[in-house]
Amino acid sequence: MGQRRFKAKVDGQEFEGTLSPNSSVSELDLRLAKTRLNFDSSASADAPVLGTYGMAYRGKTQKLELGGLTVLNPDILFSPYPECYTPNIKGTSESDGVEKPDCGLTPLSIGGNVMKKLRIYV
């Protein structure tokens, strides 16, 4: 059965996501943060932190919208996803015509830090 996928918006941009109750952090693919949210890692005042897939950056996001619920100033890491995951520009894991292995990732992973704010317990 696998994880249930859903649509979520980060600062007005829609991404496909999953709930990750075993993770303490929420993460968004760094490549999409750069292209869709105009994130510039070289201009980030914060030092990189260790994310699930390597060195990540604390995103300065203002709003996460998920199924009618809104979290203001969510703590989301912009993380470099592994090579087995290559998102399309729409922010979904749907095929964009390029054959690639599927490692089951979505562009956005909602971890325990945000789920607590939403009062979601799995």
N, C-alpha and C. Protein backbone atom coordinates (compact mmCIF):
# COMPACT_ATOMS: atom_id res chain seq x y z
N MET A 1 0.83 -1.18 0.00
CA MET A 1 0.00 0.00 0.00
C MET A 1 0.88 1.25 0.00
N GLY A 2 1.81 1.67 0.49
CA GLY A 2 2.59 2.87 0.32
C GLY A 2 1.97 4.10 0.96
N GLN A 3 2.70 5.19 0.88
CA GLN A 3 2.25 6.44 1.48
C GLN A 3 1.21 7.12 0.61
N ARG A 4 0.24 7.74 1.28
CA ARG A 4 -0.78 8.50 0.56
C ARG A 4 -0.19 9.84 0.14
N ARG A 5 -0.38 10.17 -1.12
CA ARG A 5 0.14 11.43 -1.65
C ARG A 5 -0.97 12.46 -1.68
N PHE A 6 -0.61 13.72 -1.52
CA PHE A 6 -1.59 14.80 -1.49
C PHE A 6 -0.96 16.05 -2.08
N LYS A 7 -1.81 17.03 -2.34
CA LYS A 7 -1.34 18.33 -2.83
C LYS A 7 -1.24 19.28 -1.65
N ALA A 8 -0.17 20.03 -1.61
CA ALA A 8 0.03 21.04 -0.57
C ALA A 8 0.63 22.28 -1.24
N LYS A 9 0.43 23.43 -0.62
CA LYS A 9 1.01 24.67 -1.14
C LYS A 9 2.00 25.23 -0.14
N VAL A 10 3.16 25.60 -0.65
CA VAL A 10 4.18 26.29 0.13
C VAL A 10 4.33 27.66 -0.50
N ASP A 11 4.01 28.69 0.25
CA ASP A 11 4.07 30.07 -0.24
C ASP A 11 3.37 30.22 -1.59
N GLY A 12 2.22 29.58 -1.73
CA GLY A 12 1.39 29.71 -2.93
C GLY A 12 1.76 28.77 -4.07
N GLN A 13 2.86 28.06 -3.96
CA GLN A 13 3.30 27.12 -5.00
C GLN A 13 2.84 25.70 -4.62
N GLU A 14 2.21 25.00 -5.55
CA GLU A 14 1.69 23.67 -5.25
C GLU A 14 2.74 22.59 -5.47
N PHE A 15 2.81 21.67 -4.50
CA PHE A 15 3.73 20.55 -4.56
C PHE A 15 2.99 19.28 -4.15
N GLU A 16 3.47 18.15 -4.64
CA GLU A 16 2.97 16.86 -4.19
C GLU A 16 3.72 16.51 -2.91
N GLY A 17 3.00 15.97 -1.93
CA GLY A 17 3.64 15.67 -0.66
C GLY A 17 3.17 14.38 -0.04
N THR A 18 3.85 13.98 1.02
CA THR A 18 3.48 12.83 1.84
C THR A 18 3.69 13.21 3.30
N LEU A 19 3.00 12.49 4.18
CA LEU A 19 3.25 12.63 5.61
C LEU A 19 4.36 11.66 5.99
N SER A 20 5.30 12.13 6.78
CA SER A 20 6.43 11.31 7.21
C SER A 20 6.53 11.36 8.73
N PRO A 21 5.66 10.62 9.43
CA PRO A 21 5.63 10.70 10.89
C PRO A 21 6.91 10.21 11.56
N ASN A 22 7.72 9.43 10.88
CA ASN A 22 8.96 8.94 11.47
C ASN A 22 10.10 9.95 11.39
N SER A 23 9.88 11.03 10.65
CA SER A 23 10.91 12.06 10.50
C SER A 23 10.57 13.25 11.40
N SER A 24 11.56 13.80 12.04
CA SER A 24 11.32 14.95 12.91
C SER A 24 11.30 16.26 12.13
N VAL A 25 11.75 16.24 10.87
CA VAL A 25 11.80 17.46 10.06
C VAL A 25 10.95 17.32 8.81
N SER A 26 10.55 18.47 8.27
CA SER A 26 9.86 18.52 6.98
C SER A 26 10.87 18.98 5.95
N GLU A 27 10.79 18.40 4.74
CA GLU A 27 11.79 18.73 3.72
C GLU A 27 11.14 18.95 2.36
N LEU A 28 11.75 19.84 1.59
CA LEU A 28 11.36 20.12 0.22
C LEU A 28 12.61 19.99 -0.64
N ASP A 29 12.45 19.41 -1.82
CA ASP A 29 13.58 19.24 -2.72
C ASP A 29 14.25 20.58 -3.01
N LEU A 30 15.55 20.66 -2.77
CA LEU A 30 16.32 21.89 -2.94
C LEU A 30 16.21 22.45 -4.36
N ARG A 31 16.22 21.57 -5.37
CA ARG A 31 16.13 22.05 -6.76
C ARG A 31 14.83 22.80 -7.00
N LEU A 32 13.73 22.29 -6.44
CA LEU A 32 12.44 22.96 -6.61
C LEU A 32 12.36 24.23 -5.78
N ALA A 33 13.00 24.24 -4.62
CA ALA A 33 13.02 25.46 -3.81
C ALA A 33 13.72 26.58 -4.58
N LYS A 34 14.77 26.22 -5.31
CA LYS A 34 15.50 27.22 -6.09
C LYS A 34 14.68 27.71 -7.28
N THR A 35 14.02 26.80 -8.00
CA THR A 35 13.30 27.20 -9.21
C THR A 35 11.91 27.75 -8.94
N ARG A 36 11.21 27.20 -7.96
CA ARG A 36 9.81 27.61 -7.73
C ARG A 36 9.64 28.63 -6.63
N LEU A 37 10.55 28.64 -5.64
CA LEU A 37 10.44 29.57 -4.52
C LEU A 37 11.56 30.62 -4.53
N ASN A 38 12.36 30.62 -5.58
CA ASN A 38 13.46 31.58 -5.75
C ASN A 38 14.44 31.58 -4.58
N PHE A 39 14.71 30.39 -4.04
CA PHE A 39 15.66 30.28 -2.94
C PHE A 39 17.08 30.35 -3.49
N ASP A 40 17.92 31.15 -2.85
CA ASP A 40 19.32 31.29 -3.24
C ASP A 40 20.19 30.85 -2.06
N SER A 41 20.77 29.66 -2.17
CA SER A 41 21.56 29.13 -1.06
C SER A 41 22.78 29.99 -0.75
N SER A 42 23.32 30.67 -1.75
CA SER A 42 24.50 31.51 -1.51
C SER A 42 24.13 32.78 -0.74
N ALA A 43 22.86 33.17 -0.76
CA ALA A 43 22.43 34.36 -0.03
C ALA A 43 21.85 34.02 1.34
N SER A 44 21.77 32.75 1.66
CA SER A 44 21.20 32.32 2.94
C SER A 44 22.12 32.72 4.08
N ALA A 45 21.58 33.38 5.09
CA ALA A 45 22.37 33.79 6.25
C ALA A 45 22.61 32.62 7.20
N ASP A 46 21.76 31.59 7.10
CA ASP A 46 21.90 30.44 7.98
C ASP A 46 22.93 29.46 7.45
N ALA A 47 23.67 28.85 8.35
CA ALA A 47 24.62 27.81 7.97
C ALA A 47 23.84 26.55 7.59
N PRO A 48 24.34 25.75 6.64
CA PRO A 48 23.67 24.50 6.29
C PRO A 48 23.58 23.57 7.50
N VAL A 49 22.51 22.77 7.51
CA VAL A 49 22.30 21.78 8.57
C VAL A 49 22.21 20.41 7.92
N LEU A 50 22.33 19.38 8.71
CA LEU A 50 22.25 18.03 8.16
C LEU A 50 20.78 17.63 7.98
N GLY A 51 20.40 17.37 6.74
CA GLY A 51 19.05 16.89 6.43
C GLY A 51 19.10 15.39 6.20
N THR A 52 17.99 14.83 5.79
CA THR A 52 17.90 13.40 5.54
C THR A 52 18.87 12.95 4.46
N TYR A 53 19.06 13.77 3.41
CA TYR A 53 19.85 13.36 2.26
C TYR A 53 21.14 14.14 2.09
N GLY A 54 21.56 14.86 3.10
CA GLY A 54 22.80 15.62 3.00
C GLY A 54 22.63 17.01 3.61
N MET A 55 23.52 17.91 3.27
CA MET A 55 23.47 19.25 3.82
C MET A 55 22.28 20.00 3.25
N ALA A 56 21.47 20.57 4.14
CA ALA A 56 20.23 21.24 3.76
C ALA A 56 20.22 22.66 4.32
N TYR A 57 19.26 23.44 3.88
CA TYR A 57 19.14 24.83 4.31
C TYR A 57 17.76 25.03 4.94
N ARG A 58 17.71 25.83 5.98
CA ARG A 58 16.42 26.16 6.59
C ARG A 58 15.69 27.12 5.67
N GLY A 59 14.53 26.71 5.21
CA GLY A 59 13.75 27.55 4.32
C GLY A 59 13.04 28.64 5.10
N LYS A 60 12.97 29.80 4.52
CA LYS A 60 12.25 30.92 5.13
C LYS A 60 10.86 31.00 4.49
N THR A 61 10.09 29.95 4.68
CA THR A 61 8.76 29.91 4.10
C THR A 61 7.77 30.58 5.04
N GLN A 62 6.73 31.16 4.46
CA GLN A 62 5.76 31.90 5.25
C GLN A 62 4.48 31.13 5.51
N LYS A 63 4.11 30.24 4.56
CA LYS A 63 2.83 29.57 4.74
C LYS A 63 2.82 28.21 4.07
N LEU A 64 2.29 27.22 4.78
CA LEU A 64 2.05 25.88 4.26
C LEU A 64 0.55 25.63 4.34
N GLU A 65 -0.07 25.33 3.19
CA GLU A 65 -1.49 25.04 3.15
C GLU A 65 -1.67 23.58 2.78
N LEU A 66 -2.48 22.90 3.58
CA LEU A 66 -2.64 21.47 3.44
C LEU A 66 -4.07 21.07 3.77
N GLY A 67 -4.86 20.74 2.75
CA GLY A 67 -6.22 20.28 2.98
C GLY A 67 -7.09 21.20 3.79
N GLY A 68 -7.02 22.49 3.56
CA GLY A 68 -7.83 23.45 4.30
C GLY A 68 -7.18 23.91 5.60
N LEU A 69 -6.06 23.34 5.98
CA LEU A 69 -5.33 23.76 7.18
C LEU A 69 -4.14 24.61 6.76
N THR A 70 -3.79 25.57 7.57
CA THR A 70 -2.68 26.46 7.27
C THR A 70 -1.71 26.51 8.44
N VAL A 71 -0.42 26.40 8.14
CA VAL A 71 0.63 26.58 9.14
C VAL A 71 1.44 27.80 8.71
N LEU A 72 1.54 28.78 9.60
CA LEU A 72 2.34 29.96 9.31
C LEU A 72 3.78 29.73 9.74
N ASN A 73 4.70 30.22 8.97
CA ASN A 73 6.14 30.09 9.22
C ASN A 73 6.57 28.66 9.52
N PRO A 74 6.21 27.71 8.64
CA PRO A 74 6.60 26.32 8.90
C PRO A 74 8.11 26.14 8.77
N ASP A 75 8.65 25.27 9.57
CA ASP A 75 10.09 24.97 9.53
C ASP A 75 10.30 23.85 8.51
N ILE A 76 10.72 24.23 7.30
CA ILE A 76 10.93 23.27 6.22
C ILE A 76 12.38 23.37 5.75
N LEU A 77 13.05 22.23 5.70
CA LEU A 77 14.42 22.20 5.19
C LEU A 77 14.39 22.07 3.67
N PHE A 78 15.23 22.82 2.99
CA PHE A 78 15.42 22.65 1.56
C PHE A 78 16.60 21.70 1.42
N SER A 79 16.30 20.48 1.01
CA SER A 79 17.26 19.39 1.08
C SER A 79 17.59 18.83 -0.30
N PRO A 80 18.86 18.49 -0.55
CA PRO A 80 19.22 17.86 -1.82
C PRO A 80 18.71 16.41 -1.82
N TYR A 81 17.77 16.11 -2.69
CA TYR A 81 17.21 14.77 -2.75
C TYR A 81 18.16 13.84 -3.49
N PRO A 82 18.06 12.53 -3.26
CA PRO A 82 18.98 11.59 -3.90
C PRO A 82 18.77 11.52 -5.42
N GLU A 83 19.75 10.99 -6.10
CA GLU A 83 19.72 10.90 -7.56
C GLU A 83 18.55 10.09 -8.10
N CYS A 84 18.01 9.17 -7.30
CA CYS A 84 16.91 8.34 -7.80
C CYS A 84 15.63 9.15 -7.95
N TYR A 85 15.60 10.38 -7.41
CA TYR A 85 14.41 11.21 -7.53
C TYR A 85 14.74 12.44 -8.34
N THR A 86 14.04 12.63 -9.42
CA THR A 86 14.20 13.82 -10.24
C THR A 86 12.81 14.39 -10.49
N PRO A 87 12.46 15.51 -9.84
CA PRO A 87 11.12 16.05 -10.00
C PRO A 87 10.95 16.73 -11.34
N ASN A 88 9.70 16.83 -11.78
CA ASN A 88 9.46 17.67 -12.93
C ASN A 88 9.20 19.08 -12.41
N ILE A 89 9.16 20.03 -13.27
CA ILE A 89 9.07 21.43 -12.87
C ILE A 89 7.74 21.74 -12.19
N LYS A 90 6.71 20.89 -12.38
CA LYS A 90 5.42 21.13 -11.76
C LYS A 90 5.44 20.82 -10.27
N GLY A 91 6.49 20.19 -9.78
CA GLY A 91 6.57 19.87 -8.37
C GLY A 91 5.86 18.58 -8.02
N THR A 92 5.73 17.69 -9.01
CA THR A 92 5.12 16.40 -8.74
C THR A 92 6.13 15.32 -9.11
N SER A 93 5.83 14.11 -8.73
CA SER A 93 6.72 13.01 -9.08
C SER A 93 6.26 12.31 -10.35
N GLU A 94 5.26 12.88 -11.03
CA GLU A 94 4.78 12.30 -12.29
C GLU A 94 5.91 12.31 -13.31
N SER A 95 5.87 11.37 -14.21
CA SER A 95 6.90 11.28 -15.23
C SER A 95 6.85 12.50 -16.14
N ASP A 96 8.01 13.02 -16.47
CA ASP A 96 8.09 14.12 -17.43
C ASP A 96 8.74 13.64 -18.72
N GLY A 97 8.60 12.33 -18.98
CA GLY A 97 9.11 11.77 -20.22
C GLY A 97 10.51 11.21 -20.10
N VAL A 98 11.15 11.39 -18.96
CA VAL A 98 12.50 10.88 -18.76
C VAL A 98 12.40 9.63 -17.88
N GLU A 99 12.92 8.52 -18.38
CA GLU A 99 12.90 7.29 -17.59
C GLU A 99 13.86 7.42 -16.42
N LYS A 100 13.40 7.11 -15.25
CA LYS A 100 14.24 7.18 -14.06
C LYS A 100 13.73 6.17 -13.05
N PRO A 101 14.59 5.68 -12.19
CA PRO A 101 14.11 4.77 -11.15
C PRO A 101 13.23 5.53 -10.16
N ASP A 102 12.26 4.86 -9.60
CA ASP A 102 11.37 5.49 -8.63
C ASP A 102 11.80 5.06 -7.23
N CYS A 103 12.18 6.02 -6.41
CA CYS A 103 12.56 5.67 -5.04
C CYS A 103 11.46 6.05 -4.07
N GLY A 104 10.25 6.33 -4.57
CA GLY A 104 9.10 6.55 -3.72
C GLY A 104 9.03 7.91 -3.05
N LEU A 105 9.81 8.87 -3.49
CA LEU A 105 9.82 10.18 -2.87
C LEU A 105 8.85 11.13 -3.55
N THR A 106 8.39 12.12 -2.80
CA THR A 106 7.62 13.23 -3.35
C THR A 106 8.42 14.50 -3.08
N PRO A 107 8.14 15.59 -3.79
CA PRO A 107 8.92 16.81 -3.59
C PRO A 107 8.87 17.37 -2.17
N LEU A 108 7.75 17.13 -1.47
CA LEU A 108 7.55 17.67 -0.14
C LEU A 108 7.27 16.55 0.84
N SER A 109 7.97 16.55 1.94
CA SER A 109 7.77 15.56 3.00
C SER A 109 7.42 16.30 4.28
N ILE A 110 6.22 16.05 4.81
CA ILE A 110 5.77 16.72 6.02
C ILE A 110 6.14 15.85 7.23
N GLY A 111 7.06 16.32 8.03
CA GLY A 111 7.54 15.58 9.19
C GLY A 111 6.81 15.95 10.47
N GLY A 112 7.25 15.35 11.56
CA GLY A 112 6.62 15.54 12.85
C GLY A 112 6.57 16.97 13.34
N ASN A 113 7.57 17.78 12.98
CA ASN A 113 7.59 19.16 13.45
C ASN A 113 6.38 19.96 12.96
N VAL A 114 5.94 19.72 11.74
CA VAL A 114 4.77 20.41 11.20
C VAL A 114 3.49 19.67 11.57
N MET A 115 3.54 18.35 11.62
CA MET A 115 2.34 17.58 11.97
C MET A 115 1.87 17.93 13.37
N LYS A 116 2.78 18.24 14.28
CA LYS A 116 2.37 18.64 15.63
C LYS A 116 1.58 19.94 15.59
N LYS A 117 2.00 20.87 14.74
CA LYS A 117 1.28 22.14 14.61
C LYS A 117 -0.10 21.93 14.02
N LEU A 118 -0.23 20.95 13.13
CA LEU A 118 -1.51 20.64 12.51
C LEU A 118 -2.35 19.71 13.40
N ARG A 119 -1.73 19.24 14.48
CA ARG A 119 -2.38 18.29 15.39
C ARG A 119 -2.76 17.00 14.67
N ILE A 120 -1.84 16.54 13.83
CA ILE A 120 -2.01 15.27 13.13
C ILE A 120 -1.12 14.25 13.83
N TYR A 121 -1.72 13.18 14.30
CA TYR A 121 -0.96 12.14 14.98
C TYR A 121 -1.22 10.82 14.25
N VAL A 122 -0.15 10.16 13.81
CA VAL A 122 -0.29 8.92 13.05
C VAL A 122 0.31 7.79 13.86
